[in-house]
Amino acid sequence: MFFDRGPSLTELAVQALSSVEHGYDLLAPKFDATPFRTPGPFLDAVVSAVRPLGPFRTGLDVCCGTGAGVRALRRVCEERVTGLDFSPGMLAQARRAFAGVPSDSGGAPDVEWVRADARALPFDEVFDLATSFGAFGHFLPTERPAVFAGVHAALRPGGLFVFPLPAPARVGSLPYWAMWGFDAAMRVRNAVWRPPFVMYYRTFGLPDALRELADAGFSVRLRAAESFGRRADGAPRCLTVLARKA
């Protein structure tokens, strides 16, 4: 499904009926052959936004999966990049993918992998830059404040938390109904099946991000990711959120 090396429909169904952690353990060997892997343009948009704001010594990618965000951080960090995820299968796949890989930036920053829950990050003021790509749908609205508070605690004073935020789909469009249908199906699944699999596309928007980041102690700037173009009304199709720890 999706690509020749991707998971079959049966494999995806088994994943969807598992917990989030075990589901990603199962998907990990074929994850990079699915559309769920963060596309390169989102990684490039974040790199373009933060590169002029450096230098950065250390970076953290929250919910790193198989390491796409870590690869982006290696382009802007000088000393060390940390990938954090709670799926041992995804971390094992990331380690294999990065074994012997030279730095994209030419400076060869060290890479380390940490298994932990993003709702309880085990760091205290050790990073200059933090990122996260496509993970916020895995947290219920009541859980995101703990994630943002943990990132805030993990950053040194003046550190940045950066992530892309696509514009919401136009009401009535095919993507709008596809996401609405997916979320509805997940709510029905979680109502009748245990353990739950938390993944919702429509629970995190710009007003939520601005409010919750401010509550965590960040000051926030928004930058249009111009590589994605603009909608007919002139609004950018994607924003890069730049949240700075005071």
Protein backbone atom coordinates (compact mmCIF):
# COMPACT_ATOMS: atom_id res chain seq x y z
CA MET A 1 0.00 0.00 0.00
CA PHE A 2 1.20 3.55 -0.83
CA PHE A 3 4.56 2.28 -2.17
CA ASP A 4 5.97 -1.08 -3.23
CA ARG A 5 7.82 -1.49 0.07
CA GLY A 6 5.02 -0.08 2.20
CA PRO A 7 2.70 -1.88 4.62
CA SER A 8 -0.23 -3.90 3.39
CA LEU A 9 -3.80 -2.98 4.23
CA THR A 10 -3.87 -5.90 6.68
CA GLU A 11 -0.73 -4.65 8.42
CA LEU A 12 -2.23 -1.18 8.75
CA ALA A 13 -5.43 -2.64 10.18
CA VAL A 14 -3.47 -4.57 12.81
CA GLN A 15 -1.55 -1.41 13.66
CA ALA A 16 -4.77 0.60 13.99
CA LEU A 17 -6.17 -1.95 16.45
CA SER A 18 -3.08 -1.75 18.64
CA SER A 19 -1.94 0.87 21.12
CA VAL A 20 -0.09 3.88 19.71
CA GLU A 21 3.25 2.54 20.95
CA HIS A 22 2.82 -1.02 19.72
CA GLY A 23 1.22 0.14 16.48
CA TYR A 24 4.31 2.17 15.62
CA ASP A 25 6.56 -0.71 16.68
CA LEU A 26 4.78 -2.82 14.07
CA LEU A 27 4.89 -0.10 11.41
CA ALA A 28 8.51 0.94 12.01
CA PRO A 29 10.27 -1.32 9.43
CA LYS A 30 8.07 0.07 6.63
CA PHE A 31 7.31 3.53 8.01
CA ASP A 32 9.60 5.38 5.60
CA ALA A 33 7.69 3.86 2.69
CA THR A 34 4.41 5.51 3.73
CA PRO A 35 3.03 9.06 3.43
CA PHE A 36 3.14 9.29 7.24
CA ARG A 37 6.86 10.09 7.13
CA THR A 38 7.36 13.87 7.27
CA PRO A 39 7.80 15.11 3.68
CA GLY A 40 11.03 16.93 2.84
CA PRO A 41 9.41 20.33 2.15
CA PHE A 42 8.25 20.60 5.78
CA LEU A 43 11.75 19.79 7.02
CA ASP A 44 13.28 22.29 4.61
CA ALA A 45 10.85 25.02 5.72
CA VAL A 46 11.91 24.63 9.34
CA VAL A 47 15.62 24.59 8.44
CA SER A 48 15.19 27.76 6.37
CA ALA A 49 13.36 29.49 9.21
CA VAL A 50 15.86 28.68 11.96
CA ARG A 51 19.21 28.79 10.15
CA PRO A 52 19.48 32.63 10.28
CA LEU A 53 18.66 32.53 14.01
CA GLY A 54 21.58 30.29 15.01
CA PRO A 55 24.12 29.14 15.82
CA PHE A 56 22.69 26.24 17.79
CA ARG A 57 24.83 23.79 19.69
CA THR A 58 22.26 21.15 20.65
CA GLY A 59 18.92 20.12 19.21
CA LEU A 60 16.00 17.90 20.25
CA ASP A 61 13.41 16.32 17.96
CA VAL A 62 10.30 15.38 19.95
CA CYS A 63 8.53 12.24 18.69
CA CYS A 64 11.35 11.63 16.23
CA GLY A 65 10.04 8.42 14.65
CA THR A 66 12.62 7.03 12.24
CA GLY A 67 14.65 10.23 12.32
CA ALA A 68 13.54 12.60 9.56
CA GLY A 69 13.52 15.56 11.97
CA VAL A 70 16.87 14.55 13.41
CA ARG A 71 18.34 14.66 9.93
CA ALA A 72 17.01 18.21 9.56
CA LEU A 73 18.43 19.27 12.92
CA ARG A 74 21.87 18.01 11.92
CA ARG A 75 21.87 20.71 9.26
CA VAL A 76 21.69 23.52 11.82
CA CYS A 77 23.20 22.15 15.04
CA GLU A 78 26.90 22.00 15.75
CA GLU A 79 27.48 19.58 18.63
CA ARG A 80 24.68 17.12 19.39
CA VAL A 81 21.20 16.18 18.19
CA THR A 82 18.82 14.04 20.23
CA GLY A 83 15.88 12.10 18.85
CA LEU A 84 13.18 11.18 21.37
CA ASP A 85 10.32 8.73 20.89
CA PHE A 86 8.40 6.27 23.04
CA SER A 87 8.29 3.51 20.38
CA PRO A 88 11.32 1.21 20.70
CA GLY A 89 10.62 -0.09 17.20
CA MET A 90 10.84 3.37 15.66
CA LEU A 91 14.02 4.16 17.60
CA ALA A 92 15.61 0.88 16.49
CA GLN A 93 14.79 1.72 12.88
CA ALA A 94 16.25 5.21 13.33
CA ARG A 95 19.47 3.79 14.75
CA ARG A 96 19.82 1.48 11.77
CA ALA A 97 19.11 4.28 9.31
CA PHE A 98 21.70 6.58 10.88
CA ALA A 99 24.48 4.04 11.38
CA GLY A 100 27.52 5.47 9.61
CA VAL A 101 25.58 8.35 8.01
CA PRO A 102 27.76 11.48 7.63
CA SER A 103 26.45 14.86 8.74
CA ASP A 104 24.41 16.76 6.17
CA SER A 105 25.99 19.98 7.43
CA GLY A 106 29.56 18.73 7.21
CA GLY A 107 30.14 19.35 10.93
CA ALA A 108 29.26 15.82 12.10
CA PRO A 109 27.21 16.62 15.22
CA ASP A 110 26.72 13.61 17.46
CA VAL A 111 23.34 11.86 17.41
CA GLU A 112 21.73 10.12 20.36
CA TRP A 113 18.39 8.38 20.77
CA VAL A 114 16.24 8.49 23.89
CA ARG A 115 13.14 6.48 24.65
CA ALA A 116 10.73 8.56 26.71
CA ASP A 117 7.16 9.86 26.79
CA ALA A 118 6.85 13.34 25.28
CA ARG A 119 4.34 14.18 28.03
CA ALA A 120 7.12 13.80 30.62
CA LEU A 121 10.36 14.90 28.97
CA PRO A 122 13.44 13.99 31.06
CA PHE A 123 15.52 17.11 30.33
CA ASP A 124 16.34 20.36 32.11
CA GLU A 125 17.76 23.30 30.10
CA VAL A 126 20.09 21.29 27.86
CA PHE A 127 18.97 22.23 24.32
CA ASP A 128 19.16 25.35 22.18
CA LEU A 129 16.61 24.19 19.61
CA ALA A 130 13.66 21.77 19.68
CA THR A 131 11.45 20.59 16.83
CA SER A 132 8.51 18.29 16.31
CA PHE A 133 6.97 17.17 13.03
CA GLY A 134 3.46 15.79 12.64
CA ALA A 135 3.13 14.44 16.18
CA PHE A 136 0.59 16.72 17.85
CA GLY A 137 -2.38 14.67 16.68
CA HIS A 138 -1.18 11.90 18.99
CA PHE A 139 -1.94 14.01 22.05
CA LEU A 140 -5.36 14.81 23.39
CA PRO A 141 -5.97 18.54 23.94
CA THR A 142 -5.68 17.97 27.69
CA GLU A 143 -2.22 16.41 27.19
CA ARG A 144 -0.57 19.03 24.98
CA PRO A 145 0.12 21.52 27.82
CA ALA A 146 2.37 18.91 29.45
CA VAL A 147 4.23 18.44 26.15
CA PHE A 148 4.81 22.17 25.71
CA ALA A 149 5.81 22.62 29.35
CA GLY A 150 8.32 19.80 28.97
CA VAL A 151 9.84 21.32 25.85
CA HIS A 152 10.05 24.69 27.62
CA ALA A 153 11.90 23.05 30.53
CA ALA A 154 14.25 21.21 28.15
CA LEU A 155 15.38 24.42 26.42
CA ARG A 156 18.07 26.75 27.67
CA PRO A 157 17.00 30.38 28.18
CA GLY A 158 16.55 31.90 24.75
CA GLY A 159 16.05 28.49 23.16
CA LEU A 160 13.63 27.94 20.27
CA PHE A 161 10.82 25.44 19.76
CA VAL A 162 9.95 25.26 16.07
CA PHE A 163 7.40 23.29 14.08
CA PRO A 164 5.44 23.61 10.81
CA LEU A 165 1.69 24.16 10.97
CA PRO A 166 -0.24 23.69 7.71
CA ALA A 167 -3.33 25.79 7.12
CA PRO A 168 -6.63 23.99 7.74
CA ALA A 169 -8.26 22.42 4.74
CA ARG A 170 -10.93 24.51 3.05
CA VAL A 171 -14.38 23.62 4.37
CA GLY A 172 -16.11 21.28 1.95
CA SER A 173 -12.95 20.30 0.09
CA LEU A 174 -11.85 16.69 -0.36
CA PRO A 175 -9.02 17.00 2.23
CA TYR A 176 -11.49 18.54 4.69
CA TRP A 177 -13.90 15.61 4.40
CA ALA A 178 -11.06 13.08 4.42
CA MET A 179 -9.71 14.42 7.71
CA TRP A 180 -13.19 14.79 9.18
CA GLY A 181 -13.97 11.19 8.22
CA PHE A 182 -10.68 9.89 9.62
CA ASP A 183 -11.20 11.64 12.94
CA ALA A 184 -14.77 10.38 13.16
CA ALA A 185 -13.64 6.83 12.47
CA MET A 186 -10.95 7.08 15.15
CA ARG A 187 -13.46 8.34 17.71
CA VAL A 188 -15.76 5.40 16.97
CA ARG A 189 -12.81 2.99 17.12
CA ASN A 190 -11.67 4.35 20.48
CA ALA A 191 -15.18 4.21 21.87
CA VAL A 192 -15.54 0.48 21.18
CA TRP A 193 -11.98 -0.87 21.23
CA ARG A 194 -9.16 -0.93 23.76
CA PRO A 195 -6.40 0.10 23.98
CA PRO A 196 -7.10 3.46 22.34
CA PHE A 197 -5.12 4.71 19.36
CA VAL A 198 -4.90 8.48 19.62
CA MET A 199 -4.47 10.14 16.24
CA TYR A 200 -6.68 13.06 15.26
CA TYR A 201 -6.06 15.56 12.46
CA ARG A 202 -8.51 18.27 13.48
CA THR A 203 -7.75 18.84 17.17
CA PHE A 204 -4.81 21.24 16.83
CA GLY A 205 -5.02 24.58 15.06
CA LEU A 206 -3.27 27.93 15.19
CA PRO A 207 -5.38 29.48 18.01
CA ASP A 208 -4.73 26.40 20.15
CA ALA A 209 -1.01 26.54 19.41
CA LEU A 210 -0.67 30.23 20.26
CA ARG A 211 -2.63 29.93 23.51
CA GLU A 212 -0.94 26.79 24.77
CA LEU A 213 2.57 27.95 23.89
CA ALA A 214 1.97 31.25 25.69
CA ASP A 215 0.66 29.38 28.72
CA ALA A 216 3.86 27.32 28.74
CA GLY A 217 5.98 30.49 28.83
CA PHE A 218 6.93 30.94 25.17
CA SER A 219 6.84 34.09 23.11
CA VAL A 220 5.72 33.20 19.60
CA ARG A 221 6.44 34.50 16.10
CA LEU A 222 4.95 33.14 12.90
CA ARG A 223 6.74 32.90 9.58
CA ALA A 224 5.01 32.02 6.31
CA ALA A 225 6.57 28.98 4.65
CA GLU A 226 6.53 30.56 1.21
CA SER A 227 7.71 27.39 -0.52
CA PHE A 228 4.17 26.02 -0.03
CA GLY A 229 2.59 29.02 -1.74
CA ARG A 230 -0.56 30.86 -0.73
CA ARG A 231 -4.27 30.24 -0.96
CA ALA A 232 -6.63 32.26 -3.11
CA ASP A 233 -7.33 34.60 -0.18
CA GLY A 234 -3.61 35.32 0.21
CA ALA A 235 -3.14 33.33 3.41
CA PRO A 236 -0.06 31.07 3.52
CA ARG A 237 -0.65 27.37 3.03
CA CYS A 238 1.80 26.61 5.83
CA LEU A 239 3.27 28.53 8.76
CA THR A 240 6.46 27.93 10.68
CA VAL A 241 5.86 28.47 14.39
CA LEU A 242 8.88 29.98 16.21
CA ALA A 243 8.39 29.81 19.97
CA ARG A 244 11.19 31.28 22.09
CA LYS A 245 11.86 30.64 25.75
CA ALA A 246 12.39 33.99 27.45
